[in-house]
Amino acid sequence: MDVNLSLNINHVLGDIRQAAARSGRDAAEIGIVAVTKTVPAENVREAVSAGLRILGENRVQELIAKYPLVEGAEWHLIGHLQRNKVKYITDKVSLIHSLDSAALAEEIDRRMNSMGRIMDVLVQVNIAEDPKKHGIKANQVIDFVEAAAQLQGIRIKGLMTIGPYVSDPGEIRPVFRELRKLAENVKKMDLPGVDMRHLSMGMSNDYIVAIEEGATLVRIGSAIFGTRK
C-alpha cells in the first residue's frame, strides 16, 4: 500500500480543525474512527503508530483476524451486525455503531449479561430511508430507544447514520442535521442509561459537512488509507 499515512492523517486533522472552527466547536471533541475494511494489519499498525486510537471494522471476520495483530487502539464495530456474530466481538469492541433492530439489542443484552458487562452502542438510523441500507426509521427512533433503554446489558451512547453517496457533500447536510435534531429530542427525554454523547456520521467524502452539523465521530477510510483495491 503506497500511501503516506502520516500526511493523510495530518490532512484530515487539518480539515477537522477548520470545520470545527467554522461551527464554533472544539476539534478535540471530534474523534476519527479509522475504517480498516480490507486494510492489511501492518498498515493498521502504522496508522496507530501515527496517532490514531480508534479503529472501525465493518466485518466481524476481519475484526477477529486483525484484533490480535494490532495493539494500542480500541476497536469499534461499524458495519451491519448479524445476531449470530455478536458472540465473537463482545470481548473485543468498545462501541457498536450499528444497533438496528430489537432482536439485535436483545442478543447483545443476553451476551453481555452472561459476561456481567455492559456494551456501549449507537442506534443506527436510516434517515434517508435508503432501502439498501440498514437502520431504524427516523419516526421510530424515540420508541426504539425507550424500549432498548430497558435492557441492562446495553448502554445507548448516541446515534449513527450513513449518508447517501452524492457528488456534492453539501446535499447530505439535511440528513446530518436531522440526525442531530433526533439526538436532541432523545436527550430531552432524560432516559436512564441513555446518553446522547455521540453522533457517528460522515465518511471520507462528507466528513467536513458532518462535523459542521455536529458529528462527534467520523468514520474515515480512503482519506487515510487510500482507495480500496
Protein backbone atom coordinates (compact mmCIF):
# COMPACT_ATOMS: atom_id res chain seq x y z
CA MET A 1 0.00 0.00 0.00
CA ASP A 2 1.89 3.01 -1.35
CA VAL A 3 0.25 5.69 0.80
CA ASN A 4 1.73 8.34 3.09
CA LEU A 5 -0.42 7.70 6.13
CA SER A 6 1.06 10.47 8.27
CA LEU A 7 0.45 13.01 5.52
CA ASN A 8 -3.13 11.81 5.03
CA ILE A 9 -3.86 11.83 8.76
CA ASN A 10 -2.50 15.36 9.13
CA HIS A 11 -4.64 16.49 6.21
CA VAL A 12 -7.77 15.02 7.83
CA LEU A 13 -6.87 16.58 11.19
CA GLY A 14 -6.49 19.95 9.48
CA ASP A 15 -9.92 19.60 7.88
CA ILE A 16 -11.41 18.71 11.26
CA ARG A 17 -9.86 21.74 12.94
CA GLN A 18 -11.17 24.07 10.23
CA ALA A 19 -14.67 22.56 10.18
CA ALA A 20 -14.85 22.71 13.97
CA ALA A 21 -13.74 26.35 13.99
CA ARG A 22 -16.38 27.28 11.40
CA SER A 23 -19.09 25.74 13.55
CA GLY A 24 -17.81 27.11 16.86
CA ARG A 25 -16.78 23.71 18.18
CA ASP A 26 -13.69 22.31 19.88
CA ALA A 27 -11.86 19.97 17.49
CA ALA A 28 -10.79 17.90 20.49
CA GLU A 29 -14.37 16.63 20.90
CA ILE A 30 -14.33 15.03 17.43
CA GLY A 31 -12.87 11.53 17.12
CA ILE A 32 -11.55 9.85 13.98
CA VAL A 33 -12.67 6.26 13.54
CA ALA A 34 -10.12 4.85 11.09
CA VAL A 35 -12.04 2.42 8.88
CA THR A 36 -9.88 -0.66 8.37
CA LYS A 37 -12.05 -2.59 5.91
CA THR A 38 -9.69 -4.53 3.56
CA VAL A 39 -6.65 -2.73 5.06
CA PRO A 40 -3.77 -5.10 5.95
CA ALA A 41 -2.84 -5.32 9.63
CA GLU A 42 0.63 -3.81 9.03
CA ASN A 43 -0.95 -0.65 7.63
CA VAL A 44 -3.39 -0.50 10.53
CA ARG A 45 -0.45 -0.74 12.95
CA GLU A 46 1.26 2.09 11.06
CA ALA A 47 -1.85 4.27 11.47
CA VAL A 48 -1.90 3.57 15.20
CA SER A 49 1.79 4.48 15.40
CA ALA A 50 0.91 7.75 13.62
CA GLY A 51 -1.52 8.62 16.39
CA LEU A 52 -4.91 7.13 15.53
CA ARG A 53 -6.51 5.42 18.50
CA ILE A 54 -9.96 4.30 17.31
CA LEU A 55 -10.27 1.63 14.62
CA GLY A 56 -13.57 0.78 12.94
CA GLU A 57 -14.21 -2.53 11.22
CA ASN A 58 -17.21 -3.31 9.03
CA ARG A 59 -16.95 -7.08 9.09
CA VAL A 60 -16.75 -9.35 12.11
CA GLN A 61 -14.41 -11.77 10.33
CA GLU A 62 -11.89 -9.03 9.56
CA LEU A 63 -12.10 -7.65 13.09
CA ILE A 64 -11.38 -11.08 14.57
CA ALA A 65 -8.39 -11.53 12.27
CA LYS A 66 -6.81 -8.12 12.93
CA TYR A 67 -7.64 -7.76 16.62
CA PRO A 68 -4.69 -9.80 17.97
CA LEU A 69 -2.29 -8.18 15.48
CA VAL A 70 -2.83 -4.54 16.47
CA GLU A 71 -2.07 -3.08 19.89
CA GLY A 72 -2.63 0.34 21.41
CA ALA A 73 -6.07 1.08 19.95
CA GLU A 74 -9.73 0.48 20.66
CA TRP A 75 -11.98 -1.24 18.15
CA HIS A 76 -15.47 -0.24 17.08
CA LEU A 77 -17.83 -2.40 15.02
CA ILE A 78 -19.30 -0.01 12.44
CA GLY A 79 -20.90 -2.36 9.91
CA HIS A 80 -24.11 -4.36 9.97
CA LEU A 81 -24.01 -6.91 12.78
CA GLN A 82 -25.83 -10.22 12.50
CA ARG A 83 -27.16 -11.69 15.72
CA ASN A 84 -25.17 -14.91 15.31
CA LYS A 85 -21.92 -12.91 15.14
CA VAL A 86 -22.41 -10.95 18.39
CA LYS A 87 -20.68 -13.61 20.48
CA TYR A 88 -17.42 -13.14 18.56
CA ILE A 89 -16.95 -9.45 19.34
CA THR A 90 -18.32 -8.78 22.82
CA ASP A 91 -14.84 -9.04 24.34
CA LYS A 92 -13.12 -7.07 21.57
CA VAL A 93 -15.04 -3.88 20.81
CA SER A 94 -15.76 -0.85 22.99
CA LEU A 95 -18.60 0.53 20.85
CA ILE A 96 -21.09 -0.93 18.35
CA HIS A 97 -22.25 1.78 15.92
CA SER A 98 -24.89 -0.32 14.18
CA LEU A 99 -27.69 -1.29 16.55
CA ASP A 100 -30.56 -1.52 14.09
CA SER A 101 -33.20 -3.88 15.49
CA ALA A 102 -34.86 -5.01 18.69
CA ALA A 103 -33.68 -8.57 18.06
CA LEU A 104 -30.06 -7.44 17.86
CA ALA A 105 -30.43 -5.35 21.02
CA GLU A 106 -31.80 -8.38 22.86
CA GLU A 107 -28.95 -10.62 21.67
CA ILE A 108 -26.28 -8.11 22.71
CA ASP A 109 -28.05 -7.74 26.05
CA ARG A 110 -28.14 -11.50 26.56
CA ARG A 111 -24.46 -11.94 25.77
CA MET A 112 -23.35 -9.03 27.96
CA ASN A 113 -25.48 -10.15 30.89
CA SER A 114 -23.83 -13.58 30.74
CA MET A 115 -20.45 -11.81 30.97
CA GLY A 116 -21.53 -9.41 33.71
CA ARG A 117 -20.69 -6.45 31.48
CA ILE A 118 -22.37 -3.64 29.54
CA MET A 119 -21.86 -2.82 25.86
CA ASP A 120 -21.93 0.76 24.62
CA VAL A 121 -23.99 1.08 21.44
CA LEU A 122 -25.19 3.64 18.93
CA VAL A 123 -28.59 3.34 17.30
CA GLN A 124 -28.26 3.28 13.52
CA VAL A 125 -30.87 5.50 11.87
CA ASN A 126 -31.77 5.27 8.18
CA ILE A 127 -32.56 8.97 7.84
CA ALA A 128 -32.78 8.88 4.04
CA GLU A 129 -34.85 5.65 4.17
CA ASP A 130 -32.50 4.08 1.64
CA PRO A 131 -33.76 0.50 1.05
CA LYS A 132 -30.15 -0.64 0.52
CA LYS A 133 -29.09 0.49 4.00
CA HIS A 134 -29.85 -0.80 7.47
CA GLY A 135 -31.21 1.30 10.30
CA ILE A 136 -34.27 2.39 12.24
CA LYS A 137 -36.60 4.86 10.51
CA ALA A 138 -36.40 8.34 11.97
CA ASN A 139 -40.02 8.29 13.15
CA GLN A 140 -39.38 5.06 15.08
CA VAL A 141 -36.25 6.15 16.95
CA ILE A 142 -37.93 7.50 20.09
CA ASP A 143 -39.94 4.31 20.68
CA PHE A 144 -36.94 2.13 19.87
CA VAL A 145 -34.65 3.95 22.29
CA GLU A 146 -37.29 3.83 25.04
CA ALA A 147 -37.58 0.04 24.65
CA ALA A 148 -33.83 -0.60 24.31
CA ALA A 149 -33.12 1.52 27.38
CA GLN A 150 -34.87 -1.14 29.47
CA LEU A 151 -32.13 -3.68 28.68
CA GLN A 152 -29.45 -3.97 31.33
CA GLY A 153 -26.64 -5.19 29.09
CA ILE A 154 -26.50 -2.26 26.69
CA ARG A 155 -25.93 1.46 27.16
CA ILE A 156 -27.07 3.79 24.38
CA LYS A 157 -24.42 6.44 23.72
CA GLY A 158 -25.88 8.18 20.68
CA LEU A 159 -26.96 7.79 17.08
CA MET A 160 -25.32 6.81 13.80
CA THR A 161 -26.26 7.26 10.17
CA ILE A 162 -24.80 6.64 6.73
CA GLY A 163 -25.47 9.44 4.29
CA PRO A 164 -26.26 8.69 0.64
CA TYR A 165 -23.26 8.98 -1.66
CA VAL A 166 -23.53 12.14 -3.77
CA SER A 167 -21.01 14.14 -5.77
CA ASP A 168 -21.75 17.30 -3.76
CA PRO A 169 -21.39 16.59 0.00
CA GLY A 170 -23.46 19.69 0.73
CA GLU A 171 -26.54 17.81 -0.46
CA ILE A 172 -26.20 15.49 2.57
CA ARG A 173 -26.36 18.31 5.10
CA PRO A 174 -30.12 17.90 5.80
CA VAL A 175 -29.56 14.21 6.62
CA PHE A 176 -26.91 15.01 9.21
CA ARG A 177 -28.95 17.90 10.56
CA GLU A 178 -31.97 15.65 11.08
CA LEU A 179 -29.86 13.11 12.98
CA ARG A 180 -28.63 15.88 15.29
CA LYS A 181 -32.19 17.05 15.92
CA LEU A 182 -33.26 13.49 16.66
CA ALA A 183 -30.45 13.16 19.20
CA GLU A 184 -31.55 16.42 20.83
CA ASN A 185 -35.12 15.11 21.12
CA VAL A 186 -33.91 11.85 22.69
CA LYS A 187 -31.72 13.78 25.11
CA LYS A 188 -34.73 15.82 26.30
CA MET A 189 -36.41 12.57 27.37
CA ASP A 190 -33.70 12.11 30.01
CA LEU A 191 -33.96 8.32 29.96
CA PRO A 192 -31.85 6.34 32.47
CA GLY A 193 -28.90 4.68 30.76
CA VAL A 194 -29.25 6.80 27.60
CA ASP A 195 -26.55 9.33 26.84
CA MET A 196 -26.57 11.17 23.52
CA ARG A 197 -22.83 11.76 23.70
CA HIS A 198 -22.05 10.66 20.16
CA LEU A 199 -23.22 11.38 16.64
CA SER A 200 -21.41 8.98 14.33
CA MET A 201 -21.85 10.43 10.87
CA GLY A 202 -19.65 11.39 7.96
CA MET A 203 -17.15 9.39 5.93
CA SER A 204 -14.25 10.28 3.65
CA ASN A 205 -16.42 12.12 1.11
CA ASP A 206 -18.61 14.07 3.54
CA TYR A 207 -16.97 14.25 6.99
CA ILE A 208 -16.43 18.01 6.79
CA VAL A 209 -20.17 18.65 6.40
CA ALA A 210 -20.89 16.09 9.13
CA ILE A 211 -18.62 17.94 11.58
CA GLU A 212 -20.30 21.24 10.75
CA GLU A 213 -23.61 19.56 11.64
CA GLY A 214 -22.43 18.13 14.95
CA ALA A 215 -20.62 14.83 14.34
CA THR A 216 -18.51 13.63 17.26
CA LEU A 217 -17.23 10.52 15.45
CA VAL A 218 -16.31 10.49 11.76
CA ARG A 219 -15.64 7.15 10.03
CA ILE A 220 -12.77 7.68 7.62
CA GLY A 221 -11.20 5.03 5.41
CA SER A 222 -9.98 6.04 1.97
CA ALA A 223 -8.93 9.57 3.02
CA ILE A 224 -6.43 7.88 5.35
CA PHE A 225 -5.56 4.53 3.78
CA GLY A 226 -6.13 5.35 0.12
CA THR A 227 -8.68 3.97 -2.32
CA ARG A 228 -9.54 0.34 -1.68
CA LYS A 229 -8.47 -2.16 -4.30
